[in-house]
């Protein structure tokens, strides 16, 4: 299913870009809302949109948020981090009305700034987190605009990011009075909602 969605996004994006009649650029402040493993955060993003007279357009975004992990997973509990992304979205604008309500979906590459983790000790072992995986993730979004004039519009958007990550952990555990070393991979869910408010400028 994910491969089919990826191919569909690439096909629509390539078609839209090749037929683009004009471009729009935008920027805005981003708020990441708290979720199971993520605390409240804030950041900024910019985007370029390739648009024509059809109901489809393609938008590329780059941005970041600064936040903290929740106290759920002991390896990253209360650790500060920045999440950066570069993504692409197919935008569907089904209604030709002044506020341009739209829906979108896409894929992006998301990576973390932190290399700081919490070492965990138990009665039977010590666990040393090494890194947090960076990879592609999918998202869905919806939003609308408020026109100020022919070229400038206010922009409000919600984006839900579907993201899980893996922590690579080196373990030293006592088994039958011997120390055994191993590598553990532990997954946790970092999906959450981003709200963006900013402006769009037609070029």
C-alpha atoms as a PDB file:
ATOM      1  CA  UNK A   1       0.000   0.000   0.000  1.00  0.00           C
ATOM      2  CA  UNK A   2       2.796   2.426   0.883  1.00  0.00           C
ATOM      3  CA  UNK A   3       4.597   1.719  -2.397  1.00  0.00           C
ATOM      4  CA  UNK A   4       1.405   2.376  -4.362  1.00  0.00           C
ATOM      5  CA  UNK A   5       0.857   5.651  -2.485  1.00  0.00           C
ATOM      6  CA  UNK A   6       4.474   6.694  -3.077  1.00  0.00           C
ATOM      7  CA  UNK A   7       4.241   5.990  -6.826  1.00  0.00           C
ATOM      8  CA  UNK A   8       0.933   7.873  -7.047  1.00  0.00           C
ATOM      9  CA  UNK A   9       2.387  10.922  -5.270  1.00  0.00           C
ATOM     10  CA  UNK A  10       5.439  10.962  -7.552  1.00  0.00           C
ATOM     11  CA  UNK A  11       3.300  10.641 -10.687  1.00  0.00           C
ATOM     12  CA  UNK A  12       0.930  13.475  -9.746  1.00  0.00           C
ATOM     13  CA  UNK A  13       3.846  15.640  -8.585  1.00  0.00           C
ATOM     14  CA  UNK A  14       5.768  15.182 -11.844  1.00  0.00           C
ATOM     15  CA  UNK A  15       2.667  15.916 -13.927  1.00  0.00           C
ATOM     16  CA  UNK A  16       1.755  19.004 -11.891  1.00  0.00           C
ATOM     17  CA  UNK A  17       5.267  20.467 -11.984  1.00  0.00           C
ATOM     18  CA  UNK A  18       5.550  19.960 -15.747  1.00  0.00           C
ATOM     19  CA  UNK A  19       2.216  21.745 -16.310  1.00  0.00           C
ATOM     20  CA  UNK A  20       2.684  24.482 -13.705  1.00  0.00           C
ATOM     21  CA  UNK A  21       1.462  27.904 -14.874  1.00  0.00           C
ATOM     22  CA  UNK A  22       2.653  29.852 -11.846  1.00  0.00           C
ATOM     23  CA  UNK A  23       4.354  29.410  -8.503  1.00  0.00           C
ATOM     24  CA  UNK A  24       3.547  30.399  -4.955  1.00  0.00           C
ATOM     25  CA  UNK A  25       5.951  30.703  -2.054  1.00  0.00           C
ATOM     26  CA  UNK A  26       4.990  30.755   1.576  1.00  0.00           C
ATOM     27  CA  UNK A  27       6.273  30.669   5.115  1.00  0.00           C
ATOM     28  CA  UNK A  28       4.797  30.342   8.555  1.00  0.00           C
ATOM     29  CA  UNK A  29       5.243  29.607  12.217  1.00  0.00           C
ATOM     30  CA  UNK A  30       4.707  25.991  13.234  1.00  0.00           C
ATOM     31  CA  UNK A  31       3.315  24.610  16.494  1.00  0.00           C
ATOM     32  CA  UNK A  32       3.665  20.903  17.263  1.00  0.00           C
ATOM     33  CA  UNK A  33       0.947  19.733  19.627  1.00  0.00           C
ATOM     34  CA  UNK A  34       1.658  17.308  22.490  1.00  0.00           C
ATOM     35  CA  UNK A  35       1.247  13.584  21.792  1.00  0.00           C
ATOM     36  CA  UNK A  36       2.021  10.299  23.542  1.00  0.00           C
ATOM     37  CA  UNK A  37       5.812  10.630  23.250  1.00  0.00           C
ATOM     38  CA  UNK A  38       6.224  14.300  22.273  1.00  0.00           C
ATOM     39  CA  UNK A  39       5.780  17.550  24.194  1.00  0.00           C
ATOM     40  CA  UNK A  40       4.593  20.941  22.901  1.00  0.00           C
ATOM     41  CA  UNK A  41       7.027  22.617  20.492  1.00  0.00           C
ATOM     42  CA  UNK A  42       7.448  25.438  18.008  1.00  0.00           C
ATOM     43  CA  UNK A  43       9.314  26.214  14.812  1.00  0.00           C
ATOM     44  CA  UNK A  44       9.168  27.597  11.284  1.00  0.00           C
ATOM     45  CA  UNK A  45       8.751  26.355   7.714  1.00  0.00           C
ATOM     46  CA  UNK A  46       8.888  27.592   4.109  1.00  0.00           C
ATOM     47  CA  UNK A  47       7.400  26.114   0.956  1.00  0.00           C
ATOM     48  CA  UNK A  48       7.119  26.411  -2.814  1.00  0.00           C
ATOM     49  CA  UNK A  49       3.911  25.407  -4.605  1.00  0.00           C
ATOM     50  CA  UNK A  50       3.639  24.515  -8.292  1.00  0.00           C
ATOM     51  CA  UNK A  51       0.130  25.391  -9.440  1.00  0.00           C
ATOM     52  CA  UNK A  52      -2.069  25.462 -12.549  1.00  0.00           C
ATOM     53  CA  UNK A  53      -5.801  25.720 -13.232  1.00  0.00           C
ATOM     54  CA  UNK A  54      -6.534  22.098 -12.279  1.00  0.00           C
ATOM     55  CA  UNK A  55      -7.649  20.992  -8.821  1.00  0.00           C
ATOM     56  CA  UNK A  56      -4.196  19.490  -8.136  1.00  0.00           C
ATOM     57  CA  UNK A  57      -0.974  21.251  -7.190  1.00  0.00           C
ATOM     58  CA  UNK A  58       2.346  20.125  -5.718  1.00  0.00           C
ATOM     59  CA  UNK A  59       4.030  21.673  -2.704  1.00  0.00           C
ATOM     60  CA  UNK A  60       7.553  21.195  -1.323  1.00  0.00           C
ATOM     61  CA  UNK A  61       8.209  22.143   2.307  1.00  0.00           C
ATOM     62  CA  UNK A  62      11.242  22.559   4.505  1.00  0.00           C
ATOM     63  CA  UNK A  63      11.057  23.305   8.209  1.00  0.00           C
ATOM     64  CA  UNK A  64      11.824  22.472  11.812  1.00  0.00           C
ATOM     65  CA  UNK A  65      10.375  22.390  15.317  1.00  0.00           C
ATOM     66  CA  UNK A  66      12.166  22.519  18.675  1.00  0.00           C
ATOM     67  CA  UNK A  67      10.611  20.393  21.398  1.00  0.00           C
ATOM     68  CA  UNK A  68      11.172  17.620  23.964  1.00  0.00           C
ATOM     69  CA  UNK A  69      10.419  13.942  24.240  1.00  0.00           C
ATOM     70  CA  UNK A  70       7.818  12.949  26.814  1.00  0.00           C
ATOM     71  CA  UNK A  71       8.811  10.989  29.921  1.00  0.00           C
ATOM     72  CA  UNK A  72       7.468   7.693  28.544  1.00  0.00           C
ATOM     73  CA  UNK A  73      10.535   6.080  26.964  1.00  0.00           C
ATOM     74  CA  UNK A  74      13.459   6.006  29.453  1.00  0.00           C
ATOM     75  CA  UNK A  75      16.124   6.332  26.740  1.00  0.00           C
ATOM     76  CA  UNK A  76      14.867   9.748  25.557  1.00  0.00           C
ATOM     77  CA  UNK A  77      12.865  10.925  28.582  1.00  0.00           C
ATOM     78  CA  UNK A  78      12.782  14.753  28.776  1.00  0.00           C
ATOM     79  CA  UNK A  79      15.546  15.155  26.141  1.00  0.00           C
ATOM     80  CA  UNK A  80      15.535  18.375  24.059  1.00  0.00           C
ATOM     81  CA  UNK A  81      15.664  17.937  20.296  1.00  0.00           C
ATOM     82  CA  UNK A  82      14.987  19.616  16.968  1.00  0.00           C
ATOM     83  CA  UNK A  83      13.077  17.805  14.240  1.00  0.00           C
ATOM     84  CA  UNK A  84      13.916  18.894  10.665  1.00  0.00           C
ATOM     85  CA  UNK A  85      12.073  17.915   7.501  1.00  0.00           C
ATOM     86  CA  UNK A  86      11.970  18.205   3.741  1.00  0.00           C
ATOM     87  CA  UNK A  87       8.743  16.901   2.260  1.00  0.00           C
ATOM     88  CA  UNK A  88       6.488  16.952  -0.773  1.00  0.00           C
ATOM     89  CA  UNK A  89       2.698  16.997  -0.873  1.00  0.00           C
ATOM     90  CA  UNK A  90       0.041  16.583  -3.525  1.00  0.00           C
ATOM     91  CA  UNK A  91      -2.614  19.228  -2.815  1.00  0.00           C
ATOM     92  CA  UNK A  92      -6.255  18.822  -3.819  1.00  0.00           C
ATOM     93  CA  UNK A  93      -8.327  22.032  -4.009  1.00  0.00           C
ATOM     94  CA  UNK A  94     -11.785  20.767  -5.026  1.00  0.00           C
ATOM     95  CA  UNK A  95     -13.708  24.030  -4.664  1.00  0.00           C
ATOM     96  CA  UNK A  96     -12.981  27.216  -6.616  1.00  0.00           C
ATOM     97  CA  UNK A  97     -13.942  29.580  -3.809  1.00  0.00           C
ATOM     98  CA  UNK A  98     -12.151  32.512  -2.230  1.00  0.00           C
ATOM     99  CA  UNK A  99     -10.816  30.655   0.836  1.00  0.00           C
ATOM    100  CA  UNK A 100      -9.288  27.756  -1.156  1.00  0.00           C
ATOM    101  CA  UNK A 101      -9.993  24.903   1.290  1.00  0.00           C
ATOM    102  CA  UNK A 102      -7.676  22.010   0.462  1.00  0.00           C
ATOM    103  CA  UNK A 103      -6.623  18.503   1.402  1.00  0.00           C
ATOM    104  CA  UNK A 104      -3.181  17.038   0.890  1.00  0.00           C
ATOM    105  CA  UNK A 105      -0.994  13.991   1.406  1.00  0.00           C
ATOM    106  CA  UNK A 106       2.667  13.302   0.884  1.00  0.00           C
ATOM    107  CA  UNK A 107       5.974  11.910   2.027  1.00  0.00           C
ATOM    108  CA  UNK A 108       9.026  13.527   3.587  1.00  0.00           C
ATOM    109  CA  UNK A 109      12.418  12.884   5.128  1.00  0.00           C
ATOM    110  CA  UNK A 110      12.561  13.695   8.851  1.00  0.00           C
ATOM    111  CA  UNK A 111      15.712  13.775  10.956  1.00  0.00           C
ATOM    112  CA  UNK A 112      16.639  14.627  14.533  1.00  0.00           C
ATOM    113  CA  UNK A 113      19.344  16.930  15.847  1.00  0.00           C
ATOM    114  CA  UNK A 114      19.987  15.153  19.129  1.00  0.00           C
ATOM    115  CA  UNK A 115      22.661  12.582  19.866  1.00  0.00           C
ATOM    116  CA  UNK A 116      22.016  12.830  23.602  1.00  0.00           C
ATOM    117  CA  UNK A 117      20.278   9.891  25.262  1.00  0.00           C
ATOM    118  CA  UNK A 118      19.718   8.491  28.736  1.00  0.00           C
ATOM    119  CA  UNK A 119      21.779   5.526  29.867  1.00  0.00           C
ATOM    120  CA  UNK A 120      19.543   3.030  31.665  1.00  0.00           C
ATOM    121  CA  UNK A 121      20.700   0.684  34.437  1.00  0.00           C
ATOM    122  CA  UNK A 122      18.743  -2.222  35.884  1.00  0.00           C
ATOM    123  CA  UNK A 123      19.507  -5.054  38.284  1.00  0.00           C
ATOM    124  CA  UNK A 124      20.511  -7.294  35.386  1.00  0.00           C
ATOM    125  CA  UNK A 125      22.168  -4.962  32.900  1.00  0.00           C
ATOM    126  CA  UNK A 126      23.214  -1.583  31.517  1.00  0.00           C
ATOM    127  CA  UNK A 127      21.750  -0.141  28.310  1.00  0.00           C
ATOM    128  CA  UNK A 128      23.552   2.438  26.168  1.00  0.00           C
ATOM    129  CA  UNK A 129      21.392   4.149  23.485  1.00  0.00           C
ATOM    130  CA  UNK A 130      23.468   4.933  20.380  1.00  0.00           C
ATOM    131  CA  UNK A 131      21.260   6.641  17.814  1.00  0.00           C
ATOM    132  CA  UNK A 132      17.731   7.412  16.715  1.00  0.00           C
ATOM    133  CA  UNK A 133      16.822   6.387  13.177  1.00  0.00           C
ATOM    134  CA  UNK A 134      16.037   8.988  10.502  1.00  0.00           C
ATOM    135  CA  UNK A 135      13.766   7.947   7.672  1.00  0.00           C
ATOM    136  CA  UNK A 136      10.891   8.802   5.360  1.00  0.00           C
ATOM    137  CA  UNK A 137       7.422   9.274   6.846  1.00  0.00           C
ATOM    138  CA  UNK A 138       3.964   9.965   5.455  1.00  0.00           C
ATOM    139  CA  UNK A 139       1.624  12.823   6.315  1.00  0.00           C
ATOM    140  CA  UNK A 140      -1.851  14.152   5.611  1.00  0.00           C
ATOM    141  CA  UNK A 141      -2.861  17.808   5.772  1.00  0.00           C
ATOM    142  CA  UNK A 142      -5.751  20.221   5.391  1.00  0.00           C
ATOM    143  CA  UNK A 143      -5.971  24.002   5.316  1.00  0.00           C
ATOM    144  CA  UNK A 144      -7.377  27.173   3.818  1.00  0.00           C
ATOM    145  CA  UNK A 145      -6.316  30.703   2.880  1.00  0.00           C
ATOM    146  CA  UNK A 146      -7.654  34.207   3.518  1.00  0.00           C
ATOM    147  CA  UNK A 147      -6.897  36.641   0.653  1.00  0.00           C
ATOM    148  CA  UNK A 148      -5.430  40.053   1.478  1.00  0.00           C
ATOM    149  CA  UNK A 149      -5.019  41.111  -2.162  1.00  0.00           C
ATOM    150  CA  UNK A 150      -4.433  39.442  -5.555  1.00  0.00           C
ATOM    151  CA  UNK A 151      -0.930  38.295  -4.634  1.00  0.00           C
ATOM    152  CA  UNK A 152      -0.845  37.791  -0.851  1.00  0.00           C
ATOM    153  CA  UNK A 153      -2.920  35.445   1.296  1.00  0.00           C
ATOM    154  CA  UNK A 154      -2.944  34.385   4.912  1.00  0.00           C
ATOM    155  CA  UNK A 155      -2.523  30.657   5.343  1.00  0.00           C
ATOM    156  CA  UNK A 156      -3.669  28.224   8.062  1.00  0.00           C
ATOM    157  CA  UNK A 157      -2.873  24.516   7.919  1.00  0.00           C
ATOM    158  CA  UNK A 158      -2.976  21.373  10.028  1.00  0.00           C
ATOM    159  CA  UNK A 159      -0.628  18.473   9.217  1.00  0.00           C
ATOM    160  CA  UNK A 160      -0.738  15.069  10.876  1.00  0.00           C
ATOM    161  CA  UNK A 161       2.586  13.260  10.716  1.00  0.00           C
ATOM    162  CA  UNK A 162       2.587   9.454  10.765  1.00  0.00           C
ATOM    163  CA  UNK A 163       6.004   8.642  12.195  1.00  0.00           C
ATOM    164  CA  UNK A 164       7.622   5.893  14.241  1.00  0.00           C
ATOM    165  CA  UNK A 165      11.295   5.658  15.047  1.00  0.00           C
ATOM    166  CA  UNK A 166      13.783   3.057  16.227  1.00  0.00           C
ATOM    167  CA  UNK A 167      16.374   3.554  18.954  1.00  0.00           C
ATOM    168  CA  UNK A 168      19.512   1.429  18.601  1.00  0.00           C
ATOM    169  CA  UNK A 169      20.686   0.328  22.067  1.00  0.00           C
ATOM    170  CA  UNK A 170      23.876  -1.492  23.053  1.00  0.00           C
ATOM    171  CA  UNK A 171      23.150  -3.769  26.010  1.00  0.00           C
ATOM    172  CA  UNK A 172      25.415  -5.426  28.574  1.00  0.00           C
ATOM    173  CA  UNK A 173      23.370  -7.962  30.508  1.00  0.00           C
ATOM    174  CA  UNK A 174      24.293 -10.452  33.215  1.00  0.00           C
ATOM    175  CA  UNK A 175      23.208 -13.959  32.233  1.00  0.00           C
ATOM    176  CA  UNK A 176      24.330 -16.932  34.374  1.00  0.00           C
ATOM    177  CA  UNK A 177      26.973 -14.753  36.043  1.00  0.00           C
ATOM    178  CA  UNK A 178      28.400 -13.742  32.658  1.00  0.00           C
ATOM    179  CA  UNK A 179      28.216 -10.382  30.889  1.00  0.00           C
ATOM    180  CA  UNK A 180      26.644 -10.740  27.470  1.00  0.00           C
ATOM    181  CA  UNK A 181      26.663  -7.922  24.940  1.00  0.00           C
ATOM    182  CA  UNK A 182      23.899  -7.436  22.405  1.00  0.00           C
ATOM    183  CA  UNK A 183      22.155  -4.823  20.282  1.00  0.00           C
ATOM    184  CA  UNK A 184      18.504  -3.987  20.857  1.00  0.00           C
ATOM    185  CA  UNK A 185      16.173  -2.110  18.531  1.00  0.00           C
ATOM    186  CA  UNK A 186      13.222  -0.455  20.255  1.00  0.00           C
ATOM    187  CA  UNK A 187      10.443   1.290  18.311  1.00  0.00           C
ATOM    188  CA  UNK A 188       8.223   4.089  19.569  1.00  0.00           C
ATOM    189  CA  UNK A 189       5.524   6.235  18.019  1.00  0.00           C
ATOM    190  CA  UNK A 190       6.224   9.936  17.344  1.00  0.00           C
ATOM    191  CA  UNK A 191       3.100  10.740  15.330  1.00  0.00           C
ATOM    192  CA  UNK A 192       1.615  14.145  16.124  1.00  0.00           C
ATOM    193  CA  UNK A 193      -0.210  17.177  14.769  1.00  0.00           C
ATOM    194  CA  UNK A 194       1.468  20.347  13.437  1.00  0.00           C
ATOM    195  CA  UNK A 195      -0.377  23.663  13.049  1.00  0.00           C
ATOM    196  CA  UNK A 196       1.081  26.278  10.654  1.00  0.00           C
ATOM    197  CA  UNK A 197       0.020  29.917  10.319  1.00  0.00           C
ATOM    198  CA  UNK A 198       1.684  32.231   7.792  1.00  0.00           C
ATOM    199  CA  UNK A 199       1.448  33.899   4.395  1.00  0.00           C
ATOM    200  CA  UNK A 200       1.466  32.840   0.727  1.00  0.00           C
ATOM    201  CA  UNK A 201       2.842  35.026  -2.075  1.00  0.00           C
ATOM    202  CA  UNK A 202       1.976  34.404  -5.740  1.00  0.00           C
ATOM    203  CA  UNK A 203       4.898  34.722  -8.171  1.00  0.00           C
END
